[in-house]
């Protein structure tokens, strides 16, 4: 029987996470800079900011998910963002994504988080379908960002 498990990542898992990030970023032509590597390492060492889990399918690592924490008046307190979710090609279509979202929902509830957010590329129709099926809904507004100087 196939099984999906989740291993809370630690700093010793950094290279495995970076390996999967390289695959994920290549799909969308994102840049994986040394600064991003440092930020991932910092998150692994600072659990107050979030969590990273390695996703395992049949006891083999097949991806990762990054959850970061926030606080929102609109969403009645603690909220979280699925900052990154990657599942390797060979594990897609096997309900790994569905089980990952269910795992995140339970983990968030256990941590007292009231709302779970994510972003999805406009052209990622498979991802959008998965997220809608898991209960995520679009807002009638745009998520916008302003980069601030360091």
N, C-alpha and C. Protein backbone atom coordinates (compact mmCIF):
# COMPACT_ATOMS: atom_id res chain seq x y z
N UNK A 1 0.84 -1.18 0.00
CA UNK A 1 0.00 0.00 0.00
C UNK A 1 0.89 1.25 0.00
N UNK A 2 0.53 2.23 -0.82
CA UNK A 2 1.28 3.48 -0.91
C UNK A 2 0.96 4.35 0.28
N UNK A 3 1.99 5.03 0.78
CA UNK A 3 1.74 5.91 1.90
C UNK A 3 2.51 7.21 1.75
N UNK A 4 1.90 8.28 2.25
CA UNK A 4 2.51 9.60 2.26
C UNK A 4 2.77 9.96 3.71
N UNK A 5 4.00 10.37 4.00
CA UNK A 5 4.36 10.82 5.34
C UNK A 5 5.08 12.16 5.23
N UNK A 6 5.17 12.82 6.37
CA UNK A 6 5.75 14.15 6.42
C UNK A 6 6.79 14.20 7.53
N UNK A 7 7.98 14.61 7.17
CA UNK A 7 9.08 14.70 8.13
C UNK A 7 9.39 16.17 8.36
N UNK A 8 9.26 16.62 9.60
CA UNK A 8 9.62 18.00 9.93
C UNK A 8 11.10 18.18 9.64
N UNK A 9 11.41 19.15 8.80
CA UNK A 9 12.80 19.36 8.38
C UNK A 9 13.59 20.06 9.47
N UNK A 10 14.87 19.76 9.50
CA UNK A 10 15.82 20.39 10.42
C UNK A 10 16.96 20.95 9.57
N UNK A 11 17.86 21.72 10.18
CA UNK A 11 18.97 22.26 9.39
C UNK A 11 19.79 21.20 8.65
N UNK A 12 19.81 19.97 9.13
CA UNK A 12 20.56 18.91 8.42
C UNK A 12 19.89 18.51 7.11
N UNK A 13 18.64 18.93 6.90
CA UNK A 13 17.91 18.62 5.66
C UNK A 13 18.06 19.71 4.60
N UNK A 14 18.85 20.73 4.87
CA UNK A 14 18.95 21.87 3.95
C UNK A 14 19.27 21.44 2.52
N UNK A 15 20.24 20.58 2.33
CA UNK A 15 20.65 20.20 0.96
C UNK A 15 19.53 19.47 0.23
N UNK A 16 18.77 18.64 0.93
CA UNK A 16 17.64 17.95 0.30
C UNK A 16 16.58 18.95 -0.12
N UNK A 17 16.30 19.93 0.73
CA UNK A 17 15.32 20.96 0.40
C UNK A 17 15.79 21.76 -0.81
N UNK A 18 17.06 22.15 -0.82
CA UNK A 18 17.61 22.92 -1.94
C UNK A 18 17.52 22.11 -3.23
N UNK A 19 17.79 20.82 -3.17
CA UNK A 19 17.67 19.95 -4.34
C UNK A 19 16.26 20.03 -4.93
N UNK A 20 15.24 19.91 -4.08
CA UNK A 20 13.86 19.99 -4.57
C UNK A 20 13.51 21.41 -5.01
N UNK A 21 14.05 22.41 -4.33
CA UNK A 21 13.79 23.80 -4.75
C UNK A 21 14.34 24.04 -6.15
N UNK A 22 15.50 23.49 -6.46
CA UNK A 22 16.07 23.64 -7.79
C UNK A 22 15.13 23.08 -8.85
N UNK A 23 14.54 21.93 -8.57
CA UNK A 23 13.59 21.33 -9.51
C UNK A 23 12.35 22.20 -9.66
N UNK A 24 11.81 22.66 -8.53
CA UNK A 24 10.62 23.50 -8.54
C UNK A 24 10.89 24.81 -9.28
N UNK A 25 11.97 25.47 -8.95
CA UNK A 25 12.27 26.76 -9.55
C UNK A 25 12.53 26.64 -11.05
N UNK A 26 13.12 25.54 -11.49
CA UNK A 26 13.36 25.33 -12.92
C UNK A 26 12.05 25.26 -13.70
N UNK A 27 10.99 24.75 -13.08
CA UNK A 27 9.69 24.64 -13.76
C UNK A 27 9.15 26.01 -14.16
N UNK A 28 9.43 27.03 -13.36
CA UNK A 28 8.87 28.36 -13.59
C UNK A 28 9.94 29.41 -13.92
N UNK A 29 11.15 28.96 -14.16
CA UNK A 29 12.28 29.86 -14.45
C UNK A 29 12.51 30.86 -13.31
N UNK A 30 12.29 30.42 -12.08
CA UNK A 30 12.60 31.24 -10.91
C UNK A 30 14.11 31.16 -10.66
N UNK A 31 14.63 32.17 -10.00
CA UNK A 31 16.04 32.19 -9.64
C UNK A 31 16.23 31.71 -8.20
N UNK A 32 17.12 30.76 -8.02
CA UNK A 32 17.43 30.26 -6.68
C UNK A 32 18.78 30.85 -6.27
N UNK A 33 18.74 31.96 -5.58
CA UNK A 33 19.95 32.68 -5.20
C UNK A 33 20.52 32.14 -3.88
N UNK A 34 21.75 32.54 -3.62
CA UNK A 34 22.38 32.19 -2.35
C UNK A 34 21.59 32.81 -1.19
N UNK A 35 21.02 33.98 -1.41
CA UNK A 35 20.22 34.63 -0.37
C UNK A 35 19.01 33.77 0.00
N UNK A 36 18.36 33.16 -1.00
CA UNK A 36 17.21 32.29 -0.69
C UNK A 36 17.66 31.08 0.13
N UNK A 37 18.80 30.56 -0.19
CA UNK A 37 19.35 29.44 0.58
C UNK A 37 19.54 29.85 2.05
N UNK A 38 20.06 31.05 2.26
CA UNK A 38 20.27 31.56 3.62
C UNK A 38 18.93 31.72 4.34
N UNK A 39 17.91 32.19 3.63
CA UNK A 39 16.59 32.41 4.23
C UNK A 39 15.96 31.07 4.61
N UNK A 40 16.13 30.06 3.77
CA UNK A 40 15.61 28.72 4.11
C UNK A 40 16.32 28.19 5.35
N UNK A 41 17.63 28.35 5.40
CA UNK A 41 18.38 27.90 6.57
C UNK A 41 17.91 28.63 7.82
N UNK A 42 17.66 29.93 7.70
CA UNK A 42 17.17 30.71 8.85
C UNK A 42 15.80 30.20 9.31
N UNK A 43 14.92 29.90 8.37
CA UNK A 43 13.60 29.38 8.72
C UNK A 43 13.73 28.03 9.44
N UNK A 44 14.61 27.18 8.96
CA UNK A 44 14.82 25.89 9.62
C UNK A 44 15.29 26.05 11.07
N UNK A 45 15.98 27.14 11.34
CA UNK A 45 16.52 27.38 12.68
C UNK A 45 15.63 28.28 13.54
N UNK A 46 14.51 28.78 12.95
CA UNK A 46 13.64 29.71 13.67
C UNK A 46 12.19 29.26 13.53
N UNK A 47 11.75 28.28 14.30
CA UNK A 47 10.40 27.74 14.13
C UNK A 47 9.28 28.74 14.42
N UNK A 48 9.58 29.87 15.05
CA UNK A 48 8.54 30.88 15.27
C UNK A 48 8.06 31.47 13.94
N UNK A 49 8.88 31.37 12.89
CA UNK A 49 8.52 31.92 11.58
C UNK A 49 7.74 30.94 10.70
N UNK A 50 7.87 29.66 10.97
CA UNK A 50 7.18 28.68 10.13
C UNK A 50 7.80 27.31 10.25
N UNK A 51 7.39 26.45 9.32
CA UNK A 51 7.87 25.07 9.31
C UNK A 51 8.15 24.65 7.86
N UNK A 52 9.06 23.71 7.74
CA UNK A 52 9.31 23.05 6.45
C UNK A 52 9.20 21.56 6.71
N UNK A 53 8.45 20.88 5.84
CA UNK A 53 8.36 19.43 5.92
C UNK A 53 8.85 18.83 4.62
N UNK A 54 9.56 17.73 4.72
CA UNK A 54 9.86 16.91 3.55
C UNK A 54 8.68 15.97 3.35
N UNK A 55 8.25 15.85 2.12
CA UNK A 55 7.13 14.97 1.78
C UNK A 55 7.73 13.65 1.31
N UNK A 56 7.26 12.56 1.90
CA UNK A 56 7.76 11.23 1.53
C UNK A 56 6.62 10.38 0.99
N UNK A 57 6.91 9.68 -0.08
CA UNK A 57 5.95 8.76 -0.68
C UNK A 57 6.62 7.39 -0.72
N UNK A 58 5.99 6.41 -0.10
CA UNK A 58 6.60 5.08 0.02
C UNK A 58 8.01 5.17 0.59
N UNK A 59 8.15 5.99 1.62
CA UNK A 59 9.39 6.15 2.38
C UNK A 59 10.52 6.81 1.59
N UNK A 60 10.20 7.43 0.46
CA UNK A 60 11.20 8.14 -0.34
C UNK A 60 10.84 9.62 -0.39
N UNK A 61 11.81 10.53 -0.22
CA UNK A 61 11.50 11.95 -0.33
C UNK A 61 11.09 12.30 -1.76
N UNK A 62 9.96 12.99 -1.89
CA UNK A 62 9.44 13.35 -3.21
C UNK A 62 9.13 14.84 -3.32
N UNK A 63 9.41 15.60 -2.27
CA UNK A 63 9.13 17.03 -2.33
C UNK A 63 9.20 17.67 -0.97
N UNK A 64 8.68 18.89 -0.92
CA UNK A 64 8.71 19.65 0.33
C UNK A 64 7.55 20.63 0.34
N UNK A 65 7.24 21.10 1.54
CA UNK A 65 6.24 22.16 1.69
C UNK A 65 6.75 23.11 2.76
N UNK A 66 6.63 24.41 2.47
CA UNK A 66 7.03 25.45 3.40
C UNK A 66 5.79 26.20 3.85
N UNK A 67 5.62 26.29 5.16
CA UNK A 67 4.50 27.00 5.77
C UNK A 67 5.08 28.14 6.61
N UNK A 68 4.63 29.37 6.35
CA UNK A 68 5.09 30.51 7.14
C UNK A 68 3.92 31.11 7.90
N UNK A 69 4.23 31.72 9.04
CA UNK A 69 3.19 32.20 9.95
C UNK A 69 3.00 33.71 9.88
N UNK A 70 1.76 34.11 10.10
CA UNK A 70 1.42 35.53 10.18
C UNK A 70 0.32 35.73 11.20
N UNK A 71 -0.22 36.94 11.20
CA UNK A 71 -1.32 37.29 12.10
C UNK A 71 -2.20 38.27 11.35
N UNK A 72 -3.50 38.06 11.40
CA UNK A 72 -4.43 38.86 10.61
C UNK A 72 -5.69 39.20 11.40
N UNK A 73 -6.07 40.45 11.36
CA UNK A 73 -7.34 40.86 11.95
C UNK A 73 -8.47 40.28 11.11
N UNK A 74 -8.34 40.40 9.80
CA UNK A 74 -9.38 39.89 8.89
C UNK A 74 -9.66 38.41 9.11
N UNK A 75 -8.62 37.64 9.39
CA UNK A 75 -8.77 36.20 9.55
C UNK A 75 -8.75 35.76 11.02
N UNK A 76 -9.01 36.68 11.91
CA UNK A 76 -9.24 36.41 13.33
C UNK A 76 -8.04 35.82 14.07
N UNK A 77 -6.87 36.29 13.76
CA UNK A 77 -5.71 35.85 14.52
C UNK A 77 -4.63 35.22 13.66
N UNK A 78 -4.04 34.18 14.20
CA UNK A 78 -2.92 33.53 13.50
C UNK A 78 -3.38 32.96 12.16
N UNK A 79 -2.57 33.22 11.15
CA UNK A 79 -2.82 32.62 9.84
C UNK A 79 -1.49 32.10 9.31
N UNK A 80 -1.56 31.36 8.24
CA UNK A 80 -0.35 30.77 7.67
C UNK A 80 -0.43 30.80 6.15
N UNK A 81 0.73 30.81 5.54
CA UNK A 81 0.85 30.82 4.08
C UNK A 81 1.62 29.58 3.64
N UNK A 82 1.05 28.85 2.70
CA UNK A 82 1.80 27.77 2.05
C UNK A 82 2.73 28.51 1.08
N UNK A 83 3.93 28.77 1.53
CA UNK A 83 4.86 29.60 0.76
C UNK A 83 5.39 28.85 -0.45
N UNK A 84 5.67 27.57 -0.28
CA UNK A 84 6.11 26.74 -1.41
C UNK A 84 5.62 25.32 -1.18
N UNK A 85 5.21 24.70 -2.28
CA UNK A 85 4.81 23.29 -2.27
C UNK A 85 5.30 22.68 -3.56
N UNK A 86 6.15 21.68 -3.44
CA UNK A 86 6.67 20.99 -4.62
C UNK A 86 6.59 19.49 -4.42
N UNK A 87 6.08 18.82 -5.44
CA UNK A 87 6.02 17.36 -5.48
C UNK A 87 6.64 16.93 -6.80
N UNK A 88 7.60 16.03 -6.75
CA UNK A 88 8.32 15.61 -7.96
C UNK A 88 7.38 14.93 -8.95
N UNK A 89 7.79 14.97 -10.21
CA UNK A 89 6.97 14.42 -11.30
C UNK A 89 6.52 12.99 -11.03
N UNK A 90 7.43 12.15 -10.53
CA UNK A 90 7.10 10.74 -10.35
C UNK A 90 6.08 10.49 -9.24
N UNK A 91 5.82 11.49 -8.40
CA UNK A 91 4.83 11.32 -7.32
C UNK A 91 3.52 12.04 -7.61
N UNK A 92 3.45 12.73 -8.74
CA UNK A 92 2.22 13.45 -9.07
C UNK A 92 1.16 12.48 -9.56
N UNK A 93 -0.10 12.86 -9.35
CA UNK A 93 -1.21 12.01 -9.77
C UNK A 93 -1.47 10.84 -8.84
N UNK A 94 -0.86 10.88 -7.66
CA UNK A 94 -1.00 9.77 -6.70
C UNK A 94 -1.60 10.25 -5.38
N UNK A 95 -2.27 11.39 -5.43
CA UNK A 95 -2.95 11.97 -4.25
C UNK A 95 -1.97 12.49 -3.19
N UNK A 96 -0.70 12.67 -3.57
CA UNK A 96 0.28 13.20 -2.62
C UNK A 96 -0.07 14.65 -2.28
N UNK A 97 -0.46 15.44 -3.27
CA UNK A 97 -0.84 16.82 -3.03
C UNK A 97 -2.06 16.92 -2.14
N UNK A 98 -3.05 16.10 -2.41
CA UNK A 98 -4.28 16.09 -1.59
C UNK A 98 -3.95 15.76 -0.14
N UNK A 99 -3.11 14.74 0.05
CA UNK A 99 -2.74 14.35 1.41
C UNK A 99 -1.87 15.41 2.09
N UNK A 100 -1.06 16.11 1.31
CA UNK A 100 -0.24 17.18 1.87
C UNK A 100 -1.12 18.32 2.38
N UNK A 101 -2.12 18.70 1.61
CA UNK A 101 -3.02 19.77 2.04
C UNK A 101 -3.81 19.37 3.27
N UNK A 102 -4.25 18.12 3.34
CA UNK A 102 -4.97 17.64 4.52
C UNK A 102 -4.05 17.66 5.75
N UNK A 103 -2.80 17.26 5.55
CA UNK A 103 -1.82 17.30 6.64
C UNK A 103 -1.61 18.73 7.13
N UNK A 104 -1.47 19.67 6.20
CA UNK A 104 -1.27 21.07 6.58
C UNK A 104 -2.47 21.61 7.35
N UNK A 105 -3.67 21.27 6.90
CA UNK A 105 -4.87 21.74 7.59
C UNK A 105 -4.87 21.26 9.04
N UNK A 106 -4.58 19.99 9.23
CA UNK A 106 -4.55 19.43 10.59
C UNK A 106 -3.45 20.07 11.43
N UNK A 107 -2.26 20.22 10.84
CA UNK A 107 -1.14 20.83 11.57
C UNK A 107 -1.47 22.26 11.97
N UNK A 108 -2.10 23.00 11.07
CA UNK A 108 -2.47 24.38 11.38
C UNK A 108 -3.50 24.44 12.50
N UNK A 109 -4.48 23.57 12.44
CA UNK A 109 -5.49 23.55 13.49
C UNK A 109 -4.85 23.25 14.85
N UNK A 110 -3.91 22.32 14.87
CA UNK A 110 -3.22 21.98 16.12
C UNK A 110 -2.40 23.14 16.66
N UNK A 111 -1.96 24.05 15.77
CA UNK A 111 -1.17 25.21 16.19
C UNK A 111 -2.03 26.44 16.44
N UNK A 112 -3.35 26.30 16.35
CA UNK A 112 -4.23 27.43 16.60
C UNK A 112 -4.32 28.42 15.46
N UNK A 113 -3.98 27.98 14.27
CA UNK A 113 -4.03 28.84 13.09
C UNK A 113 -5.45 28.83 12.53
N UNK A 114 -5.97 30.02 12.23
CA UNK A 114 -7.37 30.17 11.83
C UNK A 114 -7.59 30.15 10.32
N UNK A 115 -6.57 30.49 9.55
CA UNK A 115 -6.74 30.55 8.10
C UNK A 115 -5.44 30.10 7.43
N UNK A 116 -5.60 29.42 6.32
CA UNK A 116 -4.46 28.92 5.55
C UNK A 116 -4.57 29.51 4.15
N UNK A 117 -3.52 30.17 3.71
CA UNK A 117 -3.49 30.83 2.40
C UNK A 117 -2.45 30.16 1.51
N UNK A 118 -2.59 30.37 0.21
CA UNK A 118 -1.56 29.96 -0.73
C UNK A 118 -1.66 30.81 -1.98
N UNK A 119 -0.61 30.76 -2.78
CA UNK A 119 -0.59 31.39 -4.09
C UNK A 119 -0.45 30.28 -5.12
N UNK A 120 -1.00 30.51 -6.29
CA UNK A 120 -0.87 29.54 -7.37
C UNK A 120 -0.71 30.33 -8.67
N UNK A 121 0.16 29.84 -9.53
CA UNK A 121 0.36 30.50 -10.82
C UNK A 121 -0.94 30.52 -11.61
N UNK A 122 -1.18 31.60 -12.35
CA UNK A 122 -2.40 31.72 -13.14
C UNK A 122 -2.57 30.57 -14.13
N UNK A 123 -1.45 30.08 -14.68
CA UNK A 123 -1.55 29.02 -15.69
C UNK A 123 -1.44 27.61 -15.11
N UNK A 124 -1.39 27.48 -13.80
CA UNK A 124 -1.30 26.17 -13.15
C UNK A 124 -2.72 25.66 -12.87
N UNK A 125 -3.38 25.20 -13.91
CA UNK A 125 -4.77 24.76 -13.78
C UNK A 125 -4.91 23.51 -12.92
N UNK A 126 -3.94 22.61 -12.99
CA UNK A 126 -3.98 21.40 -12.17
C UNK A 126 -3.91 21.78 -10.69
N UNK A 127 -2.99 22.68 -10.35
CA UNK A 127 -2.88 23.14 -8.97
C UNK A 127 -4.13 23.85 -8.51
N UNK A 128 -4.69 24.71 -9.35
CA UNK A 128 -5.91 25.43 -8.99
C UNK A 128 -7.04 24.45 -8.70
N UNK A 129 -7.16 23.43 -9.52
CA UNK A 129 -8.21 22.42 -9.31
C UNK A 129 -8.00 21.71 -7.97
N UNK A 130 -6.77 21.31 -7.70
CA UNK A 130 -6.44 20.65 -6.44
C UNK A 130 -6.80 21.53 -5.25
N UNK A 131 -6.43 22.81 -5.32
CA UNK A 131 -6.67 23.71 -4.19
C UNK A 131 -8.15 23.99 -3.99
N UNK A 132 -8.88 24.17 -5.07
CA UNK A 132 -10.33 24.38 -4.93
C UNK A 132 -10.99 23.15 -4.31
N UNK A 133 -10.58 21.98 -4.79
CA UNK A 133 -11.12 20.72 -4.26
C UNK A 133 -10.84 20.57 -2.77
N UNK A 134 -9.72 21.15 -2.32
CA UNK A 134 -9.34 21.08 -0.90
C UNK A 134 -10.00 22.19 -0.07
N UNK A 135 -10.83 23.02 -0.72
CA UNK A 135 -11.57 24.03 0.02
C UNK A 135 -11.02 25.44 -0.05
N UNK A 136 -9.96 25.64 -0.82
CA UNK A 136 -9.42 27.00 -0.98
C UNK A 136 -10.30 27.77 -1.95
N UNK A 137 -10.45 29.06 -1.71
CA UNK A 137 -11.27 29.91 -2.57
C UNK A 137 -10.49 31.16 -2.95
N UNK A 138 -10.75 31.64 -4.16
CA UNK A 138 -10.13 32.88 -4.62
C UNK A 138 -10.83 34.07 -3.97
N UNK A 139 -10.04 35.11 -3.75
CA UNK A 139 -10.60 36.37 -3.27
C UNK A 139 -10.85 37.26 -4.48
N UNK A 140 -11.76 38.16 -4.38
CA UNK A 140 -12.01 39.08 -5.48
C UNK A 140 -11.12 40.31 -5.33
N UNK A 141 -9.83 40.03 -5.20
CA UNK A 141 -8.83 41.08 -5.09
C UNK A 141 -7.47 40.48 -5.43
N UNK A 142 -6.50 41.33 -5.64
CA UNK A 142 -5.15 40.89 -6.00
C UNK A 142 -4.25 40.91 -4.77
N UNK A 143 -3.40 39.94 -4.68
CA UNK A 143 -2.34 39.92 -3.67
C UNK A 143 -1.19 40.73 -4.26
N UNK A 144 -0.78 41.78 -3.58
CA UNK A 144 0.26 42.67 -4.11
C UNK A 144 1.44 42.73 -3.14
N UNK A 145 2.61 43.04 -3.67
CA UNK A 145 3.83 43.08 -2.87
C UNK A 145 4.63 44.33 -3.18
N UNK A 146 5.21 44.91 -2.17
CA UNK A 146 6.18 45.99 -2.33
C UNK A 146 7.44 45.56 -1.61
N UNK A 147 8.52 45.40 -2.36
CA UNK A 147 9.80 45.04 -1.76
C UNK A 147 10.35 46.24 -1.00
N UNK A 148 10.87 46.01 0.18
CA UNK A 148 11.44 47.06 1.01
C UNK A 148 12.95 46.94 1.05
N UNK A 149 13.64 48.07 1.13
CA UNK A 149 15.10 47.98 1.20
C UNK A 149 15.55 47.27 2.47
N UNK A 150 16.62 46.52 2.35
CA UNK A 150 17.15 45.77 3.50
C UNK A 150 17.83 46.69 4.48
